[in-house]
Amino acid sequence: MLSRPLDPGAVIARALEIYREHAGALIPAALAVFSLQAIATVALAGDLGVVVSLVSLVLGTFYQGMVVELVRDVQDGRRDASVGQLFASITPVLLTLLAVALLYGLGVAIGIALFLVPGLYLMTIWAVTGPVVVLERPGVVQAFRRSRELVHGHGWPVFVVVLVVVVGVNVVSAVAAILAAGLGDVGEAVVQWIVNAATAPLSALTAAVLYLALREQAGEPPVDAGARAEPAPDPFGNPA
């Protein structure tokens, strides 16, 4: 049980616990998903870097959605759905997830360019947009609004969680890039593939655990571990 007020250490510890318990599903799924990114990086390097970035966005978003569903599924202590079923459950909401991920990335990048602080602020208030989309299935605008509402009153603890995960992932990636220097395009792509497979689960797990913790802080009922989400509405907010 997470303590009150929101404990960043408890959130990160719970994400790591789920990582250890379900690494046998998380890592192979990540290796499979991000192998496509590695192939695209080698095959479409140079002038087609924008295409590689788009491929990375789609794959990363798809994988994040699967991990969020896994966290929902294991709340009762066991995983009832197969990895294939978890991936399949994301398809109805994938377009909304992609739109949210794109807007999130653009907003944070612009904010960081504007003296850093605005970007960090947006990373904090938008920290659980992904889990909101997967588990509540709102439209794009509503997803950002809902994340901000959940984070309200817990800004500093959420910021600490986000900062620890972002710094940790970037340190691992930087060390891996240094070690891979001189291995050529293929070697660097393989190293990046392995790093992505190792770090992507942690980022997605932390966001999902944080979302559930914020719901608890708000006094909202737990997300049913066995329930399937309703069909997604129109990505831009029009009911289905």
Foldseek 3Di string as FASTA:
>chain_A
DADPPGALVVLLVVLVVVCVVVVVQQLVVLLVLCVVLLVCCVVVPDPNVVVSVLSCLLSLLLSLQLLLLQVLQCPVPDHDDHSVVSSVLCVLQSVLSSVLSVVLVVQLVVLCVVVHPSNLQSCQLLLQLSSCCNQVQFANVVSSVVSNVLCPPVRVSSSVNSVVLVVVLVVLLVVLQVVQPPVPSSSSSVSVSSSSSVNSSSSSSSSSSVVQSSCVVVVHDGRNSPDRDDRHQDNHGHGD
